[in-house]
Amino acid sequence: MRIIGSASSTSQSEPRAQQPPFDDVAGSYDSAFGGSPAGRLFRFRLAERIAQRVKPGSALLDIGCGTGDDAVWLQGCGFAVLGIDPSVAMIEVARGKAEAMHTRPEFRVAGFENFDAPDGFDAVYSNFGAMNCLPIEAWKGALSKVLRPGGQAFLVLMGRRPFPEFLRVGRSAWNRRLQPTAQVGARSIAVTYPTPPAVAAALLPAFKVDRTEALGFLVPGPRFTDWPRRHPIGFGLVAAMERVVARRRFLCEFSDHFLIELSRR
């Protein structure tokens, strides 16, 4: 999950209290969340869907790019990627990763809500719940500003009632996700958990929903770091089972995350 609010300055002299919360966790994000077995599975599924639906060479905007894994991967697949994130520390990690991988997506320290793209992008994507940190009422205007008519959006959002979390700790996991805030390090951020019907309603008539897919209805989410590593075959079998049922829209609410694909009219 990553925050995507207002743009931040790149100045390192800015007071720490004014820095985005994800600056505090940039150094540990990949090992604790983004690089987990489920995190990698969700990343590859998003990249696969983009590659299936968007022509190589297209201009992509990565909203809340974090440490840059998606941008680096898709740039290497032949897309022209711009990643934005208000966290200076996250962008620094992303740039270092791109240099080490010898690929060159562009990264900017910027929030999404006020981001302007005069020429527009062919497609936009956002992974791991970055859009959950922006009020859903702002989505239509913000997406319309950056996406060309006929362009596509791929949004991976956090589900409201993840089934694997319920099996582990009971209804308390669901109660946490229904709260209007979430913890990032030592700080709280505002979040919402819209369902696919709520997303569709908020974006009409400018966008239409093309497809939904559950990510983490059966697969233990990124917070389950030990079980997939101790039981890799079991993890693979559960992932294969999830692919069979993932297209049922009602399961998105009971998934750790879900992917919703949209087209701008």
Protein backbone atom coordinates (compact mmCIF):
# COMPACT_ATOMS: atom_id res chain seq x y z
CA MET A 1 0.00 0.00 0.00
CA ARG A 2 1.39 3.41 -0.93
CA ILE A 3 0.17 6.96 -0.45
CA ILE A 4 -0.39 9.21 -3.46
CA GLY A 5 -1.48 12.56 -2.10
CA SER A 6 -0.14 16.00 -2.95
CA ALA A 7 3.23 16.47 -4.60
CA SER A 8 6.29 16.70 -2.36
CA SER A 9 9.42 18.74 -2.68
CA THR A 10 12.65 16.94 -3.58
CA SER A 11 14.58 19.02 -1.07
CA GLN A 12 16.33 16.93 1.57
CA SER A 13 16.23 19.89 3.97
CA GLU A 14 12.45 19.70 4.34
CA PRO A 15 11.43 19.01 7.97
CA ARG A 16 10.94 15.31 8.63
CA ALA A 17 7.38 15.79 9.92
CA GLN A 18 6.34 17.10 6.52
CA GLN A 19 7.73 14.12 4.63
CA PRO A 20 5.25 11.50 3.33
CA PRO A 21 4.84 8.51 5.68
CA PHE A 22 6.38 6.10 3.19
CA ASP A 23 9.74 7.84 3.50
CA ASP A 24 9.97 6.06 6.86
CA VAL A 25 9.63 2.57 5.38
CA ALA A 26 11.32 2.94 1.98
CA GLY A 27 14.39 0.97 3.05
CA SER A 28 12.41 -2.02 4.29
CA TYR A 29 9.43 -1.98 1.92
CA ASP A 30 10.71 -4.59 -0.55
CA SER A 31 11.69 -7.15 2.06
CA ALA A 32 8.62 -6.63 4.24
CA PHE A 33 5.90 -6.33 1.59
CA GLY A 34 6.70 -5.72 -2.07
CA GLY A 35 9.20 -8.54 -2.35
CA SER A 36 7.14 -11.15 -0.49
CA PRO A 37 5.99 -14.26 -2.41
CA ALA A 38 2.41 -12.98 -2.69
CA GLY A 39 3.63 -9.48 -3.51
CA ARG A 40 5.67 -10.83 -6.42
CA LEU A 41 2.76 -12.95 -7.61
CA PHE A 42 0.44 -9.93 -7.62
CA ARG A 43 3.09 -7.83 -9.42
CA PHE A 44 3.53 -10.41 -12.17
CA ARG A 45 -0.22 -10.75 -12.63
CA LEU A 46 -0.60 -6.99 -13.10
CA ALA A 47 2.31 -6.90 -15.56
CA GLU A 48 0.83 -9.84 -17.46
CA ARG A 49 -2.53 -8.10 -17.86
CA ILE A 50 -0.89 -4.89 -19.05
CA ALA A 51 1.23 -6.79 -21.56
CA GLN A 52 -1.88 -8.58 -22.85
CA ARG A 53 -3.94 -5.42 -23.36
CA VAL A 54 -1.50 -2.57 -24.11
CA LYS A 55 0.74 -2.31 -27.18
CA PRO A 56 4.53 -2.33 -26.59
CA GLY A 57 5.99 1.16 -26.85
CA SER A 58 2.91 2.74 -25.26
CA ALA A 59 3.35 5.49 -22.67
CA LEU A 60 2.47 4.24 -19.17
CA LEU A 61 2.02 6.17 -15.93
CA ASP A 62 2.78 4.31 -12.70
CA ILE A 63 0.73 5.95 -9.92
CA GLY A 64 2.39 5.57 -6.53
CA CYS A 65 5.37 3.75 -8.00
CA GLY A 66 7.07 3.17 -4.65
CA THR A 67 10.42 1.41 -5.03
CA GLY A 68 9.93 1.04 -8.77
CA ASP A 69 9.67 -2.73 -9.36
CA ASP A 70 6.67 -2.46 -11.69
CA ALA A 71 8.14 0.46 -13.64
CA VAL A 72 11.50 -1.26 -14.10
CA TRP A 73 9.87 -4.50 -15.23
CA LEU A 74 7.48 -2.87 -17.71
CA GLN A 75 10.16 -0.55 -19.10
CA GLY A 76 12.20 -3.68 -19.78
CA CYS A 77 9.20 -5.16 -21.60
CA GLY A 78 9.26 -2.33 -24.13
CA PHE A 79 6.93 0.27 -22.58
CA ALA A 80 7.81 3.91 -21.88
CA VAL A 81 7.12 4.29 -18.16
CA LEU A 82 6.91 7.33 -15.92
CA GLY A 83 6.63 6.53 -12.22
CA ILE A 84 5.39 9.12 -9.72
CA ASP A 85 5.37 8.98 -5.93
CA PRO A 86 5.32 11.75 -3.29
CA SER A 87 7.95 9.92 -1.22
CA VAL A 88 11.46 11.20 -1.88
CA ALA A 89 12.97 8.12 -0.27
CA MET A 90 10.87 5.73 -2.38
CA ILE A 91 11.91 7.52 -5.57
CA GLU A 92 15.57 7.34 -4.57
CA VAL A 93 15.28 3.58 -4.11
CA ALA A 94 13.47 3.27 -7.47
CA ARG A 95 16.16 5.21 -9.32
CA GLY A 96 18.89 3.10 -7.79
CA LYS A 97 17.05 -0.07 -8.75
CA ALA A 98 16.60 1.10 -12.35
CA GLU A 99 20.30 1.93 -12.62
CA ALA A 100 21.28 -1.48 -11.25
CA MET A 101 18.96 -3.20 -13.74
CA HIS A 102 20.27 -1.11 -16.67
CA THR A 103 16.82 0.10 -17.67
CA ARG A 104 15.57 3.66 -17.66
CA PRO A 105 12.01 4.38 -16.65
CA GLU A 106 11.57 8.00 -15.60
CA PHE A 107 10.79 8.72 -11.95
CA ARG A 108 9.44 11.95 -10.45
CA VAL A 109 8.65 13.02 -6.91
CA ALA A 110 4.98 13.94 -7.36
CA GLY A 111 1.55 13.11 -6.02
CA PHE A 112 -1.26 12.00 -8.30
CA GLU A 113 -4.18 14.17 -7.29
CA ASN A 114 -2.56 17.36 -8.65
CA PHE A 115 -0.41 15.75 -11.34
CA ASP A 116 -0.88 17.16 -14.84
CA ALA A 117 -0.02 15.38 -18.10
CA PRO A 118 -0.80 17.66 -21.07
CA ASP A 119 -0.25 14.94 -23.70
CA GLY A 120 -1.90 12.12 -21.76
CA PHE A 121 -0.84 8.49 -21.40
CA ASP A 122 -1.94 5.41 -23.31
CA ALA A 123 -2.46 3.53 -20.04
CA VAL A 124 -2.08 4.11 -16.32
CA TYR A 125 -1.67 1.60 -13.53
CA SER A 126 -1.42 1.62 -9.77
CA ASN A 127 -0.35 -1.30 -7.61
CA PHE A 128 -0.79 -2.38 -3.98
CA GLY A 129 -3.57 -0.03 -2.97
CA ALA A 130 -2.00 3.33 -3.76
CA MET A 131 -5.40 4.56 -4.96
CA ASN A 132 -6.97 3.55 -1.63
CA CYS A 133 -5.14 6.54 -0.17
CA LEU A 134 -6.97 9.02 -2.42
CA PRO A 135 -10.67 9.84 -1.86
CA ILE A 136 -12.68 7.99 -4.48
CA GLU A 137 -14.50 11.22 -5.36
CA ALA A 138 -11.22 12.52 -6.80
CA TRP A 139 -10.46 9.50 -8.98
CA LYS A 140 -12.49 10.44 -12.04
CA GLY A 141 -10.99 13.91 -12.40
CA ALA A 142 -7.44 12.77 -11.69
CA LEU A 143 -7.58 9.80 -14.08
CA SER A 144 -9.25 11.85 -16.82
CA LYS A 145 -6.43 14.40 -16.66
CA VAL A 146 -3.70 11.86 -17.33
CA LEU A 147 -5.36 9.25 -19.58
CA ARG A 148 -6.06 9.72 -23.28
CA PRO A 149 -9.58 8.94 -24.60
CA GLY A 150 -9.74 5.20 -25.23
CA GLY A 151 -6.87 4.61 -22.81
CA GLN A 152 -6.89 1.95 -20.13
CA ALA A 153 -6.41 1.97 -16.37
CA PHE A 154 -5.28 -0.99 -14.25
CA LEU A 155 -5.86 -0.43 -10.53
CA VAL A 156 -4.86 -2.93 -7.84
CA LEU A 157 -6.88 -2.03 -4.75
CA MET A 158 -7.06 -3.37 -1.22
CA GLY A 159 -10.05 -5.59 -0.48
CA ARG A 160 -12.36 -4.93 2.47
CA ARG A 161 -12.61 -8.41 3.99
CA PRO A 162 -9.64 -10.62 3.00
CA PHE A 163 -10.52 -14.28 3.53
CA PRO A 164 -6.98 -15.48 4.42
CA GLU A 165 -6.74 -12.80 7.12
CA PHE A 166 -10.06 -13.98 8.54
CA LEU A 167 -8.73 -17.55 8.75
CA ARG A 168 -5.65 -16.34 10.60
CA VAL A 169 -7.00 -13.84 13.14
CA GLY A 170 -10.78 -13.78 12.72
CA ARG A 171 -13.07 -10.79 12.30
CA SER A 172 -10.55 -8.39 13.85
CA ALA A 173 -8.73 -8.33 10.50
CA TRP A 174 -11.92 -7.24 8.77
CA ASN A 175 -12.59 -4.62 11.42
CA ARG A 176 -9.15 -3.08 10.86
CA ARG A 177 -9.79 -2.79 7.15
CA LEU A 178 -13.09 -1.03 7.67
CA GLN A 179 -11.39 1.75 9.62
CA PRO A 180 -10.67 5.08 7.82
CA THR A 181 -6.95 4.97 8.69
CA ALA A 182 -4.04 2.55 8.34
CA GLN A 183 -0.61 2.44 9.94
CA VAL A 184 2.53 3.12 7.91
CA GLY A 185 5.47 2.80 10.24
CA ALA A 186 4.66 4.97 13.25
CA ARG A 187 2.17 7.17 11.42
CA SER A 188 -1.46 6.88 10.31
CA ILE A 189 -2.79 7.66 6.85
CA ALA A 190 -6.34 8.05 5.55
CA VAL A 191 -7.62 5.14 3.46
CA THR A 192 -10.83 3.86 1.91
CA TYR A 193 -11.77 0.37 0.69
CA PRO A 194 -14.12 0.77 -2.29
CA THR A 195 -15.72 -2.29 -3.86
CA PRO A 196 -15.83 -2.78 -7.67
CA PRO A 197 -19.45 -1.49 -7.86
CA ALA A 198 -18.42 1.61 -5.88
CA VAL A 199 -15.51 2.22 -8.27
CA ALA A 200 -17.79 1.85 -11.29
CA ALA A 201 -20.34 4.26 -9.82
CA ALA A 202 -17.69 6.86 -8.98
CA LEU A 203 -16.15 6.81 -12.46
CA LEU A 204 -19.30 6.81 -14.60
CA PRO A 205 -19.82 8.02 -17.28
CA ALA A 206 -16.18 8.84 -18.06
CA PHE A 207 -14.98 5.24 -17.57
CA LYS A 208 -16.35 1.74 -17.93
CA VAL A 209 -15.25 -1.37 -16.06
CA ASP A 210 -13.83 -4.01 -18.41
CA ARG A 211 -12.72 -6.69 -15.98
CA THR A 212 -12.12 -7.54 -12.32
CA GLU A 213 -9.89 -10.18 -10.76
CA ALA A 214 -9.38 -11.24 -7.15
CA LEU A 215 -5.78 -11.26 -5.89
CA GLY A 216 -5.45 -13.00 -2.56
CA PHE A 217 -8.83 -14.63 -2.00
CA LEU A 218 -7.14 -18.01 -1.50
CA VAL A 219 -3.49 -16.95 -1.76
CA PRO A 220 -2.17 -15.69 1.61
CA GLY A 221 -1.39 -12.00 1.18
CA PRO A 222 1.99 -10.23 1.44
CA ARG A 223 1.78 -10.14 5.25
CA PHE A 224 2.02 -13.97 5.27
CA THR A 225 5.77 -14.10 4.66
CA ASP A 226 6.71 -17.43 6.26
CA TRP A 227 4.07 -19.89 5.03
CA PRO A 228 4.79 -19.55 1.28
CA ARG A 229 8.51 -19.99 1.87
CA ARG A 230 7.99 -23.04 4.08
CA HIS A 231 5.40 -24.55 1.71
CA PRO A 232 6.29 -23.43 -1.84
CA ILE A 233 4.41 -26.30 -3.50
CA GLY A 234 1.32 -25.58 -1.43
CA PHE A 235 1.60 -21.90 -2.30
CA GLY A 236 1.76 -22.76 -6.00
CA LEU A 237 -1.26 -25.04 -5.76
CA VAL A 238 -3.33 -22.40 -3.94
CA ALA A 239 -2.31 -19.81 -6.55
CA ALA A 240 -3.44 -22.14 -9.35
CA MET A 241 -6.78 -22.74 -7.60
CA GLU A 242 -7.30 -19.01 -7.19
CA ARG A 243 -6.85 -18.41 -10.92
CA VAL A 244 -9.84 -20.69 -11.56
CA VAL A 245 -12.24 -18.59 -9.46
CA ALA A 246 -10.60 -15.15 -9.53
CA ARG A 247 -12.92 -13.64 -12.16
CA ARG A 248 -15.99 -13.80 -9.90
CA ARG A 249 -16.52 -10.18 -8.99
CA PHE A 250 -18.03 -10.74 -5.55
CA LEU A 251 -14.76 -12.38 -4.44
CA CYS A 252 -12.91 -9.06 -4.80
CA GLU A 253 -14.34 -7.85 -1.50
CA PHE A 254 -12.94 -10.95 0.22
CA SER A 255 -9.46 -10.72 -1.33
CA ASP A 256 -6.30 -9.15 0.01
CA HIS A 257 -6.20 -7.03 -3.16
CA PHE A 258 -8.10 -7.02 -6.43
CA LEU A 259 -7.39 -5.81 -9.95
CA ILE A 260 -9.98 -3.67 -11.70
CA GLU A 261 -9.46 -2.78 -15.37
CA LEU A 262 -11.11 0.31 -16.85
CA SER A 263 -11.36 2.08 -20.20
CA ARG A 264 -11.80 5.81 -20.68
CA ARG A 265 -14.73 6.54 -22.96
